[in-house]
């Protein structure tokens, strides 16, 4: 009887230890999630505050103020969003960093590729890539739900660039992507992996309005 009681107490201690360990892991993951959301909210708020200032400046045609504002933002560009992409259909609103930022990495954020132009370049091509899947950095996990004529916006330097999807196609995942676009148009290209395959999804959008 005494031996059985000791065994029962031992099992209780082991069970309690596992429960405590599980709670610690859950608390740790929750704290990371809350911290990531807090950082994201701050980055977005700071971006849109600057965006509003640039919008008002652009409307007033105050060139000197524009140059000063842009210069100030350049000082800390490595850790601040340079633009935000918004795709209403899949409820995505996420910023991305400049090409020179250490945070411009597909394993951490949406990445603007080296060959990409910025939205304000006439007939340029903005190229963004991100992971699909289920991880916390899978920002393009729902990209496969998009269809032709869906809308995408990029907020950049006080202007909203509105795009409409014109083409969607798959390519083999080889490390390079052939982009089929109209070079006489300003375009946006989104790239991600198609889950469960060895293919990548390429989504081409054309600029329809700048506001």
N, C-alpha and C. Protein backbone atom coordinates (compact mmCIF):
# COMPACT_ATOMS: atom_id res chain seq x y z
N UNK A 1 0.83 -1.21 0.00
CA UNK A 1 0.00 0.00 0.00
C UNK A 1 0.86 1.26 0.00
N UNK A 2 1.89 1.26 0.86
CA UNK A 2 2.79 2.41 0.96
C UNK A 2 3.55 2.61 -0.35
N UNK A 3 3.96 1.49 -0.97
CA UNK A 3 4.69 1.56 -2.23
C UNK A 3 3.81 2.15 -3.33
N UNK A 4 2.55 1.73 -3.34
CA UNK A 4 1.62 2.23 -4.34
C UNK A 4 1.39 3.73 -4.15
N UNK A 5 1.31 4.16 -2.90
CA UNK A 5 1.10 5.58 -2.61
C UNK A 5 2.29 6.42 -3.07
N UNK A 6 3.50 5.90 -2.84
CA UNK A 6 4.71 6.62 -3.28
C UNK A 6 4.74 6.74 -4.80
N UNK A 7 4.34 5.65 -5.46
CA UNK A 7 4.32 5.66 -6.93
C UNK A 7 3.31 6.68 -7.45
N UNK A 8 2.16 6.73 -6.76
CA UNK A 8 1.12 7.68 -7.14
C UNK A 8 1.61 9.12 -6.97
N UNK A 9 2.29 9.38 -5.84
CA UNK A 9 2.83 10.72 -5.58
C UNK A 9 3.89 11.10 -6.61
N UNK A 10 4.68 10.11 -7.01
CA UNK A 10 5.72 10.37 -8.01
C UNK A 10 5.09 10.75 -9.36
N UNK A 11 4.04 10.02 -9.71
CA UNK A 11 3.34 10.32 -10.96
C UNK A 11 2.68 11.70 -10.91
N UNK A 12 2.18 12.07 -9.74
CA UNK A 12 1.58 13.40 -9.58
C UNK A 12 2.62 14.48 -9.80
N UNK A 13 3.81 14.28 -9.26
CA UNK A 13 4.89 15.26 -9.40
C UNK A 13 5.31 15.38 -10.86
N UNK A 14 5.44 14.21 -11.52
CA UNK A 14 5.82 14.21 -12.94
C UNK A 14 4.75 14.92 -13.78
N UNK A 15 3.49 14.59 -13.49
CA UNK A 15 2.39 15.22 -14.23
C UNK A 15 2.36 16.72 -14.02
N UNK A 16 2.54 17.14 -12.78
CA UNK A 16 2.56 18.57 -12.48
C UNK A 16 3.72 19.26 -13.19
N UNK A 17 4.85 18.58 -13.25
CA UNK A 17 6.03 19.16 -13.91
C UNK A 17 5.76 19.38 -15.40
N UNK A 18 5.11 18.40 -16.03
CA UNK A 18 4.78 18.53 -17.45
C UNK A 18 3.79 19.67 -17.68
N UNK A 19 2.81 19.78 -16.80
CA UNK A 19 1.84 20.88 -16.92
C UNK A 19 2.53 22.22 -16.77
N UNK A 20 3.42 22.33 -15.79
CA UNK A 20 4.15 23.57 -15.56
C UNK A 20 5.03 23.92 -16.76
N UNK A 21 5.69 22.89 -17.31
CA UNK A 21 6.53 23.11 -18.49
C UNK A 21 5.69 23.59 -19.68
N UNK A 22 4.53 22.97 -19.85
CA UNK A 22 3.64 23.38 -20.94
C UNK A 22 3.17 24.81 -20.79
N UNK A 23 2.84 25.20 -19.56
CA UNK A 23 2.41 26.57 -19.30
C UNK A 23 3.53 27.56 -19.58
N UNK A 24 4.75 27.19 -19.22
CA UNK A 24 5.90 28.07 -19.47
C UNK A 24 6.12 28.27 -20.96
N UNK A 25 6.03 27.17 -21.73
CA UNK A 25 6.21 27.27 -23.18
C UNK A 25 5.10 28.11 -23.80
N UNK A 26 3.86 27.89 -23.36
CA UNK A 26 2.73 28.64 -23.87
C UNK A 26 2.87 30.13 -23.55
N UNK A 27 3.28 30.43 -22.32
CA UNK A 27 3.48 31.83 -21.92
C UNK A 27 4.57 32.49 -22.73
N UNK A 28 5.64 31.75 -22.99
CA UNK A 28 6.76 32.28 -23.78
C UNK A 28 6.32 32.60 -25.21
N UNK A 29 5.59 31.65 -25.83
CA UNK A 29 5.12 31.88 -27.20
C UNK A 29 4.13 33.03 -27.26
N UNK A 30 3.28 33.12 -26.24
CA UNK A 30 2.30 34.21 -26.20
C UNK A 30 2.99 35.56 -26.06
N UNK A 31 4.04 35.61 -25.23
CA UNK A 31 4.77 36.87 -25.04
C UNK A 31 5.46 37.30 -26.33
N UNK A 32 5.99 36.32 -27.09
CA UNK A 32 6.61 36.63 -28.38
C UNK A 32 5.57 37.18 -29.34
N UNK A 33 4.40 36.53 -29.38
CA UNK A 33 3.31 36.96 -30.26
C UNK A 33 2.87 38.39 -29.93
N UNK A 34 2.69 38.67 -28.65
CA UNK A 34 2.27 40.01 -28.22
C UNK A 34 3.34 41.04 -28.56
N UNK A 35 4.60 40.68 -28.33
CA UNK A 35 5.70 41.59 -28.62
C UNK A 35 5.80 41.88 -30.11
N UNK A 36 5.64 40.85 -30.95
CA UNK A 36 5.68 41.04 -32.40
C UNK A 36 4.55 41.94 -32.87
N UNK A 37 3.35 41.72 -32.33
CA UNK A 37 2.21 42.57 -32.70
C UNK A 37 2.41 44.01 -32.26
N UNK A 38 3.02 44.18 -31.08
CA UNK A 38 3.29 45.52 -30.57
C UNK A 38 4.27 46.26 -31.49
N UNK A 39 5.34 45.56 -31.88
CA UNK A 39 6.32 46.16 -32.79
C UNK A 39 5.68 46.51 -34.13
N UNK A 40 4.87 45.59 -34.65
CA UNK A 40 4.21 45.81 -35.94
C UNK A 40 3.29 47.03 -35.87
N UNK A 41 2.53 47.14 -34.78
CA UNK A 41 1.63 48.29 -34.62
C UNK A 41 2.40 49.59 -34.56
N UNK A 42 3.51 49.60 -33.85
CA UNK A 42 4.33 50.81 -33.75
C UNK A 42 4.92 51.20 -35.10
N UNK A 43 5.41 50.21 -35.85
CA UNK A 43 5.99 50.48 -37.16
C UNK A 43 4.94 51.04 -38.11
N UNK A 44 3.73 50.46 -38.09
CA UNK A 44 2.66 50.95 -38.95
C UNK A 44 2.24 52.36 -38.56
N UNK A 45 2.10 52.60 -37.25
CA UNK A 45 1.68 53.91 -36.79
C UNK A 45 2.69 54.98 -37.18
N UNK A 46 3.97 54.66 -36.99
CA UNK A 46 5.02 55.61 -37.35
C UNK A 46 5.03 55.86 -38.86
N UNK A 47 4.85 54.78 -39.65
CA UNK A 47 4.84 54.93 -41.10
C UNK A 47 3.69 55.83 -41.54
N UNK A 48 2.49 55.57 -41.05
CA UNK A 48 1.33 56.33 -41.50
C UNK A 48 1.35 57.77 -40.98
N UNK A 49 1.99 58.01 -39.83
CA UNK A 49 2.19 59.39 -39.39
C UNK A 49 3.06 60.15 -40.38
N UNK A 50 4.17 59.52 -40.78
CA UNK A 50 5.05 60.14 -41.78
C UNK A 50 4.36 60.24 -43.13
N UNK A 51 3.57 59.22 -43.45
CA UNK A 51 2.84 59.19 -44.72
C UNK A 51 1.88 60.37 -44.79
N UNK A 52 1.18 60.64 -43.69
CA UNK A 52 0.23 61.75 -43.65
C UNK A 52 0.95 63.08 -43.84
N UNK A 53 2.11 63.22 -43.20
CA UNK A 53 2.89 64.45 -43.35
C UNK A 53 3.32 64.64 -44.80
N UNK A 54 3.77 63.56 -45.43
CA UNK A 54 4.19 63.64 -46.83
C UNK A 54 3.01 63.93 -47.75
N UNK A 55 1.85 63.36 -47.43
CA UNK A 55 0.66 63.61 -48.23
C UNK A 55 0.28 65.08 -48.19
N UNK A 56 0.28 65.65 -46.98
CA UNK A 56 -0.05 67.07 -46.84
C UNK A 56 0.98 67.95 -47.53
N UNK A 57 2.24 67.54 -47.44
CA UNK A 57 3.31 68.28 -48.10
C UNK A 57 3.15 68.24 -49.61
N UNK A 58 2.85 67.06 -50.14
CA UNK A 58 2.67 66.93 -51.58
C UNK A 58 1.50 67.78 -52.07
N UNK A 59 0.44 67.82 -51.29
CA UNK A 59 -0.73 68.60 -51.68
C UNK A 59 -0.44 70.09 -51.65
N UNK A 60 0.47 70.51 -50.79
CA UNK A 60 0.81 71.93 -50.67
C UNK A 60 1.94 72.34 -51.61
N UNK A 61 2.57 71.32 -52.26
CA UNK A 61 3.68 71.59 -53.19
C UNK A 61 4.83 72.32 -52.51
N UNK A 62 5.15 71.93 -51.28
CA UNK A 62 6.27 72.55 -50.56
C UNK A 62 7.50 71.68 -50.75
N UNK A 63 8.24 71.95 -51.81
CA UNK A 63 9.37 71.10 -52.18
C UNK A 63 10.44 71.05 -51.11
N UNK A 64 10.72 72.16 -50.45
CA UNK A 64 11.77 72.18 -49.44
C UNK A 64 11.42 71.27 -48.26
N UNK A 65 10.15 71.33 -47.86
CA UNK A 65 9.71 70.48 -46.76
C UNK A 65 9.78 69.02 -47.14
N UNK A 66 9.42 68.72 -48.39
CA UNK A 66 9.48 67.34 -48.86
C UNK A 66 10.89 66.79 -48.77
N UNK A 67 11.87 67.58 -49.24
CA UNK A 67 13.25 67.14 -49.20
C UNK A 67 13.72 66.92 -47.77
N UNK A 68 13.32 67.81 -46.87
CA UNK A 68 13.73 67.69 -45.47
C UNK A 68 13.13 66.45 -44.82
N UNK A 69 11.83 66.20 -45.11
CA UNK A 69 11.16 65.05 -44.51
C UNK A 69 11.79 63.75 -44.97
N UNK A 70 12.06 63.66 -46.28
CA UNK A 70 12.66 62.45 -46.83
C UNK A 70 14.05 62.24 -46.27
N UNK A 71 14.81 63.34 -46.14
CA UNK A 71 16.17 63.22 -45.63
C UNK A 71 16.16 62.70 -44.20
N UNK A 72 15.24 63.21 -43.38
CA UNK A 72 15.15 62.75 -42.00
C UNK A 72 14.79 61.28 -41.92
N UNK A 73 13.89 60.84 -42.83
CA UNK A 73 13.49 59.43 -42.79
C UNK A 73 14.63 58.53 -43.23
N UNK A 74 15.54 59.04 -44.06
CA UNK A 74 16.66 58.24 -44.53
C UNK A 74 17.62 57.88 -43.40
N UNK A 75 17.68 58.72 -42.36
CA UNK A 75 18.64 58.50 -41.29
C UNK A 75 18.39 57.19 -40.56
N UNK A 76 17.12 56.80 -40.44
CA UNK A 76 16.80 55.58 -39.71
C UNK A 76 16.08 54.57 -40.60
N UNK A 77 16.38 54.60 -41.90
CA UNK A 77 15.63 53.78 -42.84
C UNK A 77 15.80 52.28 -42.61
N UNK A 78 16.91 51.88 -41.99
CA UNK A 78 17.17 50.45 -41.86
C UNK A 78 16.18 49.75 -40.95
N UNK A 79 15.58 50.48 -40.01
CA UNK A 79 14.66 49.86 -39.06
C UNK A 79 13.24 50.41 -39.16
N UNK A 80 12.94 51.10 -40.25
CA UNK A 80 11.61 51.65 -40.44
C UNK A 80 11.04 51.20 -41.78
N UNK A 81 9.72 51.06 -41.83
CA UNK A 81 9.07 50.72 -43.08
C UNK A 81 9.27 51.83 -44.10
N UNK A 82 9.56 51.45 -45.34
CA UNK A 82 9.60 52.45 -46.42
C UNK A 82 8.28 52.47 -47.17
N UNK A 83 7.49 51.41 -47.03
CA UNK A 83 6.21 51.32 -47.73
C UNK A 83 5.36 50.26 -47.05
N UNK A 84 4.08 50.30 -47.35
CA UNK A 84 3.15 49.29 -46.84
C UNK A 84 2.31 48.76 -48.00
N UNK A 85 2.20 47.45 -48.08
CA UNK A 85 1.33 46.82 -49.07
C UNK A 85 0.02 46.42 -48.41
N UNK A 86 -1.08 46.65 -49.12
CA UNK A 86 -2.40 46.31 -48.59
C UNK A 86 -3.18 45.54 -49.65
N UNK A 87 -3.64 44.34 -49.27
CA UNK A 87 -4.45 43.52 -50.16
C UNK A 87 -5.75 43.20 -49.44
N UNK A 88 -6.81 43.97 -49.70
CA UNK A 88 -8.06 43.82 -48.94
C UNK A 88 -8.65 42.42 -48.99
N UNK A 89 -8.59 41.76 -50.14
CA UNK A 89 -9.27 40.46 -50.29
C UNK A 89 -8.75 39.43 -49.30
N UNK A 90 -7.46 39.45 -49.02
CA UNK A 90 -6.89 38.46 -48.09
C UNK A 90 -6.52 39.10 -46.75
N UNK A 91 -7.03 40.33 -46.54
CA UNK A 91 -6.84 41.03 -45.26
C UNK A 91 -5.36 41.15 -44.88
N UNK A 92 -4.54 41.48 -45.87
CA UNK A 92 -3.11 41.68 -45.63
C UNK A 92 -2.78 43.16 -45.63
N UNK A 93 -2.15 43.61 -44.58
CA UNK A 93 -1.59 44.96 -44.52
C UNK A 93 -0.25 44.85 -43.79
N UNK A 94 0.81 44.96 -44.55
CA UNK A 94 2.14 44.69 -43.99
C UNK A 94 3.17 45.62 -44.63
N UNK A 95 4.03 46.16 -43.79
CA UNK A 95 5.10 47.01 -44.29
C UNK A 95 6.31 46.22 -44.73
N UNK A 96 7.18 46.90 -45.48
CA UNK A 96 8.46 46.28 -45.82
C UNK A 96 9.55 47.33 -45.74
N UNK A 97 10.79 46.85 -45.62
CA UNK A 97 11.94 47.72 -45.38
C UNK A 97 12.71 47.96 -46.67
N UNK A 98 13.65 48.92 -46.61
CA UNK A 98 14.45 49.24 -47.78
C UNK A 98 15.42 48.12 -48.13
N UNK A 99 15.91 48.17 -49.36
CA UNK A 99 16.82 47.11 -49.84
C UNK A 99 18.07 46.99 -48.98
N UNK A 100 18.53 48.10 -48.42
CA UNK A 100 19.77 48.09 -47.65
C UNK A 100 19.57 47.70 -46.19
N UNK A 101 18.33 47.50 -45.79
CA UNK A 101 18.05 47.17 -44.39
C UNK A 101 18.34 45.71 -44.09
N UNK A 102 18.89 45.45 -42.91
CA UNK A 102 19.12 44.07 -42.49
C UNK A 102 17.80 43.33 -42.26
N UNK A 103 16.71 44.07 -42.15
CA UNK A 103 15.40 43.47 -41.95
C UNK A 103 14.72 43.11 -43.27
N UNK A 104 15.32 43.53 -44.39
CA UNK A 104 14.78 43.18 -45.70
C UNK A 104 15.23 41.78 -46.07
N UNK A 105 14.56 40.81 -45.48
CA UNK A 105 14.95 39.41 -45.62
C UNK A 105 13.68 38.56 -45.61
N UNK A 106 13.54 37.68 -46.59
CA UNK A 106 12.33 36.89 -46.71
C UNK A 106 12.10 35.98 -45.51
N UNK A 107 13.15 35.69 -44.76
CA UNK A 107 13.01 34.86 -43.56
C UNK A 107 12.58 35.67 -42.34
N UNK A 108 12.41 36.98 -42.53
CA UNK A 108 11.97 37.83 -41.42
C UNK A 108 10.76 38.68 -41.80
N UNK A 109 10.68 39.08 -43.06
CA UNK A 109 9.64 40.01 -43.48
C UNK A 109 9.31 39.79 -44.96
N UNK A 110 8.42 40.63 -45.48
CA UNK A 110 8.27 40.72 -46.93
C UNK A 110 9.54 41.36 -47.47
N UNK A 111 10.11 40.77 -48.51
CA UNK A 111 11.38 41.26 -49.04
C UNK A 111 11.18 41.95 -50.38
N UNK A 112 11.74 43.15 -50.51
CA UNK A 112 11.78 43.81 -51.81
C UNK A 112 13.09 43.39 -52.47
N UNK A 113 13.00 42.80 -53.64
CA UNK A 113 14.16 42.20 -54.27
C UNK A 113 15.10 43.26 -54.86
N UNK A 114 16.34 42.88 -55.03
CA UNK A 114 17.37 43.81 -55.51
C UNK A 114 17.03 44.38 -56.88
N UNK A 115 16.39 43.58 -57.73
CA UNK A 115 16.05 44.04 -59.09
C UNK A 115 14.79 44.89 -59.12
N UNK A 116 14.19 45.11 -57.97
CA UNK A 116 12.93 45.85 -57.92
C UNK A 116 13.14 47.35 -58.09
N UNK A 117 12.15 47.98 -58.73
CA UNK A 117 12.06 49.44 -58.74
C UNK A 117 11.15 49.86 -57.58
N UNK A 118 11.09 51.15 -57.33
CA UNK A 118 10.15 51.68 -56.36
C UNK A 118 8.88 52.10 -57.09
N UNK A 119 7.76 52.23 -56.37
CA UNK A 119 6.48 52.51 -57.03
C UNK A 119 6.46 53.80 -57.84
N UNK A 120 7.30 54.77 -57.49
CA UNK A 120 7.25 56.05 -58.18
C UNK A 120 8.03 56.08 -59.49
N UNK A 121 8.67 54.98 -59.87
CA UNK A 121 9.40 54.94 -61.14
C UNK A 121 8.44 54.62 -62.28
N UNK A 122 8.40 55.51 -63.27
CA UNK A 122 7.53 55.30 -64.42
C UNK A 122 7.93 54.03 -65.16
N UNK A 123 6.95 53.20 -65.46
CA UNK A 123 7.15 51.93 -66.17
C UNK A 123 8.07 50.96 -65.42
N UNK A 124 8.22 51.19 -64.12
CA UNK A 124 9.04 50.32 -63.30
C UNK A 124 8.27 49.09 -62.83
N UNK A 125 8.97 48.22 -62.14
CA UNK A 125 8.36 46.98 -61.64
C UNK A 125 8.77 46.77 -60.19
N UNK A 126 7.81 46.88 -59.28
CA UNK A 126 8.04 46.59 -57.87
C UNK A 126 7.95 45.08 -57.68
N UNK A 127 8.99 44.48 -57.09
CA UNK A 127 9.01 43.02 -56.93
C UNK A 127 9.11 42.68 -55.44
N UNK A 128 8.10 42.01 -54.93
CA UNK A 128 8.06 41.63 -53.52
C UNK A 128 7.92 40.12 -53.40
N UNK A 129 8.65 39.56 -52.43
CA UNK A 129 8.59 38.11 -52.18
C UNK A 129 8.39 37.86 -50.69
N UNK A 130 7.67 36.80 -50.39
CA UNK A 130 7.47 36.39 -48.99
C UNK A 130 7.11 34.91 -48.96
N UNK A 131 7.23 34.33 -47.78
CA UNK A 131 6.93 32.90 -47.62
C UNK A 131 5.42 32.66 -47.61
N UNK A 132 5.05 31.46 -48.06
CA UNK A 132 3.71 30.93 -47.79
C UNK A 132 3.89 29.90 -46.67
N UNK A 133 2.85 29.16 -46.37
CA UNK A 133 2.99 28.18 -45.29
C UNK A 133 2.27 28.62 -44.03
N UNK A 134 2.75 28.15 -42.89
CA UNK A 134 2.05 28.39 -41.62
C UNK A 134 2.91 29.06 -40.55
N UNK A 135 4.12 29.46 -40.90
CA UNK A 135 4.99 30.10 -39.90
C UNK A 135 4.58 31.55 -39.70
N UNK A 136 5.17 32.18 -38.69
CA UNK A 136 4.80 33.57 -38.39
C UNK A 136 5.31 34.54 -39.44
N UNK A 137 6.23 34.10 -40.30
CA UNK A 137 6.72 34.97 -41.37
C UNK A 137 6.11 34.61 -42.72
N UNK A 138 5.05 33.80 -42.71
CA UNK A 138 4.37 33.42 -43.97
C UNK A 138 3.34 34.48 -44.34
N UNK A 139 3.84 35.66 -44.72
CA UNK A 139 2.95 36.79 -44.97
C UNK A 139 2.16 36.63 -46.27
N UNK A 140 2.65 35.78 -47.19
CA UNK A 140 1.93 35.54 -48.44
C UNK A 140 1.22 34.19 -48.43
N UNK A 141 0.81 33.73 -47.26
CA UNK A 141 0.19 32.40 -47.14
C UNK A 141 -1.13 32.32 -47.91
N UNK A 142 -1.81 33.44 -48.09
CA UNK A 142 -3.11 33.43 -48.76
C UNK A 142 -3.06 34.02 -50.17
N UNK A 143 -1.87 34.17 -50.70
CA UNK A 143 -1.73 34.77 -52.02
C UNK A 143 -2.44 33.94 -53.10
N UNK A 144 -2.51 32.63 -52.89
CA UNK A 144 -3.14 31.74 -53.88
C UNK A 144 -4.64 31.99 -54.02
N UNK A 145 -5.22 32.75 -53.10
CA UNK A 145 -6.66 33.04 -53.16
C UNK A 145 -6.98 34.22 -54.07
N UNK A 146 -5.95 34.92 -54.52
CA UNK A 146 -6.17 36.10 -55.36
C UNK A 146 -6.53 35.70 -56.79
N UNK A 147 -7.28 36.59 -57.45
CA UNK A 147 -7.72 36.36 -58.82
C UNK A 147 -7.49 37.62 -59.65
N UNK A 148 -7.62 37.46 -60.96
CA UNK A 148 -7.50 38.62 -61.84
C UNK A 148 -8.53 39.67 -61.46
N UNK A 149 -8.13 40.93 -61.57
CA UNK A 149 -8.94 42.11 -61.27
C UNK A 149 -9.04 42.43 -59.78
N UNK A 150 -8.45 41.59 -58.92
CA UNK A 150 -8.38 41.96 -57.50
C UNK A 150 -7.45 43.17 -57.33
N UNK A 151 -7.70 43.94 -56.28
CA UNK A 151 -6.98 45.19 -56.07
C UNK A 151 -5.87 45.04 -55.03
N UNK A 152 -4.79 45.76 -55.27
CA UNK A 152 -3.66 45.82 -54.34
C UNK A 152 -3.20 47.27 -54.27
N UNK A 153 -2.86 47.74 -53.07
CA UNK A 153 -2.34 49.10 -52.91
C UNK A 153 -0.97 49.07 -52.26
N UNK A 154 -0.14 50.02 -52.66
CA UNK A 154 1.12 50.26 -51.97
C UNK A 154 1.16 51.73 -51.56
N UNK A 155 1.39 51.96 -50.28
CA UNK A 155 1.52 53.32 -49.74
C UNK A 155 3.01 53.64 -49.67
N UNK A 156 3.40 54.71 -50.38
CA UNK A 156 4.82 55.03 -50.47
C UNK A 156 5.01 56.52 -50.69
N UNK A 157 5.86 57.13 -49.87
CA UNK A 157 6.23 58.54 -49.99
C UNK A 157 5.03 59.47 -50.17
N UNK A 158 4.01 59.25 -49.35
CA UNK A 158 2.86 60.15 -49.33
C UNK A 158 1.84 59.90 -50.42
N UNK A 159 1.98 58.84 -51.19
CA UNK A 159 1.02 58.52 -52.25
C UNK A 159 0.56 57.07 -52.12
N UNK A 160 -0.67 56.83 -52.56
CA UNK A 160 -1.19 55.47 -52.64
C UNK A 160 -1.19 55.02 -54.09
N UNK A 161 -0.48 53.95 -54.35
CA UNK A 161 -0.40 53.38 -55.70
C UNK A 161 -1.36 52.20 -55.76
N UNK A 162 -2.38 52.33 -56.62
CA UNK A 162 -3.42 51.31 -56.71
C UNK A 162 -3.19 50.44 -57.95
N UNK A 163 -3.13 49.14 -57.71
CA UNK A 163 -2.86 48.19 -58.79
C UNK A 163 -4.04 47.24 -58.96
N UNK A 164 -4.14 46.68 -60.16
CA UNK A 164 -5.13 45.64 -60.44
C UNK A 164 -4.41 44.43 -61.02
N UNK A 165 -4.75 43.24 -60.51
CA UNK A 165 -4.10 42.01 -60.98
C UNK A 165 -4.51 41.72 -62.43
N UNK A 166 -3.51 41.47 -63.28
CA UNK A 166 -3.77 41.19 -64.69
C UNK A 166 -3.31 39.79 -65.11
N UNK A 167 -2.45 39.16 -64.31
CA UNK A 167 -1.95 37.84 -64.70
C UNK A 167 -1.48 37.06 -63.47
N UNK A 168 -1.77 35.77 -63.47
CA UNK A 168 -1.31 34.86 -62.41
C UNK A 168 -0.83 33.58 -63.08
N UNK A 169 0.38 33.18 -62.75
CA UNK A 169 0.90 31.94 -63.35
C UNK A 169 1.91 31.29 -62.41
N UNK A 170 2.17 30.02 -62.66
CA UNK A 170 3.13 29.26 -61.86
C UNK A 170 4.41 29.02 -62.65
N UNK A 171 5.52 28.94 -61.93
CA UNK A 171 6.81 28.59 -62.53
C UNK A 171 7.49 27.55 -61.64
N UNK A 172 8.40 26.75 -62.18
CA UNK A 172 9.16 25.83 -61.34
C UNK A 172 10.01 26.60 -60.33
N UNK A 173 10.15 26.04 -59.15
CA UNK A 173 10.96 26.68 -58.11
C UNK A 173 12.43 26.35 -58.36
N UNK A 174 13.13 27.28 -59.02
CA UNK A 174 14.53 27.06 -59.39
C UNK A 174 15.48 28.08 -58.78
N UNK A 175 14.93 29.07 -58.09
CA UNK A 175 15.77 30.13 -57.54
C UNK A 175 15.75 31.39 -58.37
N UNK A 176 15.20 31.29 -59.59
CA UNK A 176 15.03 32.46 -60.44
C UNK A 176 13.59 32.49 -60.92
N UNK A 177 13.12 33.68 -61.27
CA UNK A 177 11.73 33.81 -61.71
C UNK A 177 11.66 34.64 -62.98
N UNK A 178 11.02 34.09 -64.00
CA UNK A 178 10.80 34.83 -65.24
C UNK A 178 9.52 35.63 -65.10
N UNK A 179 9.66 36.95 -65.17
CA UNK A 179 8.52 37.84 -64.96
C UNK A 179 7.97 38.27 -66.31
N UNK A 180 6.71 37.91 -66.55
CA UNK A 180 6.04 38.25 -67.81
C UNK A 180 5.15 39.46 -67.57
N UNK A 181 5.63 40.62 -67.99
CA UNK A 181 4.88 41.85 -67.76
C UNK A 181 4.98 42.76 -68.97
N UNK A 182 4.07 43.72 -69.02
CA UNK A 182 4.09 44.75 -70.05
C UNK A 182 5.08 45.83 -69.63
N UNK A 183 6.20 45.94 -70.36
CA UNK A 183 7.25 46.88 -69.98
C UNK A 183 6.86 48.34 -70.22
N UNK A 184 5.71 48.55 -70.85
CA UNK A 184 5.22 49.91 -71.05
C UNK A 184 4.28 50.34 -69.93
N UNK A 185 4.13 49.48 -68.92
CA UNK A 185 3.26 49.76 -67.78
C UNK A 185 4.06 49.76 -66.48
N UNK A 186 3.58 50.50 -65.50
CA UNK A 186 4.11 50.41 -64.14
C UNK A 186 3.45 49.21 -63.48
N UNK A 187 4.27 48.29 -62.97
CA UNK A 187 3.72 47.02 -62.49
C UNK A 187 4.19 46.67 -61.08
N UNK A 188 3.48 45.73 -60.50
CA UNK A 188 3.81 45.15 -59.20
C UNK A 188 3.83 43.64 -59.36
N UNK A 189 4.92 43.01 -58.94
CA UNK A 189 5.04 41.55 -59.02
C UNK A 189 5.17 40.96 -57.62
N UNK A 190 4.32 39.99 -57.31
CA UNK A 190 4.37 39.29 -56.03
C UNK A 190 4.77 37.84 -56.28
N UNK A 191 5.68 37.34 -55.44
CA UNK A 191 6.21 35.99 -55.62
C UNK A 191 6.15 35.23 -54.30
N UNK A 192 5.65 34.00 -54.36
CA UNK A 192 5.68 33.11 -53.20
C UNK A 192 5.63 31.67 -53.67
N UNK A 193 5.90 30.74 -52.78
CA UNK A 193 5.83 29.32 -53.11
C UNK A 193 4.39 28.84 -53.04
N UNK A 194 4.04 27.93 -53.95
CA UNK A 194 2.74 27.28 -53.85
C UNK A 194 2.87 26.09 -52.90
N UNK A 195 2.11 26.12 -51.83
CA UNK A 195 2.25 25.12 -50.77
C UNK A 195 2.05 23.70 -51.29
N UNK A 196 2.93 22.81 -50.85
CA UNK A 196 2.81 21.41 -51.19
C UNK A 196 3.29 21.05 -52.58
N UNK A 197 3.95 22.00 -53.27
CA UNK A 197 4.45 21.74 -54.62
C UNK A 197 5.88 22.26 -54.75
N UNK A 198 6.46 22.04 -55.92
CA UNK A 198 7.78 22.58 -56.23
C UNK A 198 7.65 23.79 -57.15
N UNK A 199 6.53 24.50 -57.04
CA UNK A 199 6.26 25.64 -57.91
C UNK A 199 6.17 26.93 -57.11
N UNK A 200 6.31 28.03 -57.83
CA UNK A 200 6.10 29.36 -57.27
C UNK A 200 4.95 30.04 -57.99
N UNK A 201 4.21 30.84 -57.25
CA UNK A 201 3.14 31.64 -57.83
C UNK A 201 3.70 33.02 -58.18
N UNK A 202 3.42 33.48 -59.39
CA UNK A 202 3.78 34.83 -59.81
C UNK A 202 2.50 35.60 -60.06
N UNK A 203 2.34 36.73 -59.40
CA UNK A 203 1.16 37.56 -59.59
C UNK A 203 1.60 38.92 -60.13
N UNK A 204 1.10 39.27 -61.31
CA UNK A 204 1.44 40.53 -61.97
C UNK A 204 0.26 41.49 -61.87
N UNK A 205 0.51 42.68 -61.38
CA UNK A 205 -0.52 43.72 -61.31
C UNK A 205 -0.03 44.97 -62.03
N UNK A 206 -0.97 45.72 -62.57
CA UNK A 206 -0.63 46.97 -63.27
C UNK A 206 -1.21 48.16 -62.53
N UNK A 207 -0.46 49.25 -62.54
CA UNK A 207 -0.90 50.47 -61.86
C UNK A 207 -2.10 51.06 -62.59
N UNK A 208 -3.16 51.35 -61.83
CA UNK A 208 -4.36 51.94 -62.42
C UNK A 208 -4.63 53.35 -61.90
N UNK A 209 -4.04 53.67 -60.75
CA UNK A 209 -4.29 55.00 -60.18
C UNK A 209 -3.24 55.33 -59.13
N UNK A 210 -2.86 56.58 -59.09
CA UNK A 210 -1.98 57.08 -58.04
C UNK A 210 -2.73 58.18 -57.31
N UNK A 211 -2.89 58.02 -55.99
CA UNK A 211 -3.65 59.00 -55.23
C UNK A 211 -2.89 59.56 -54.07
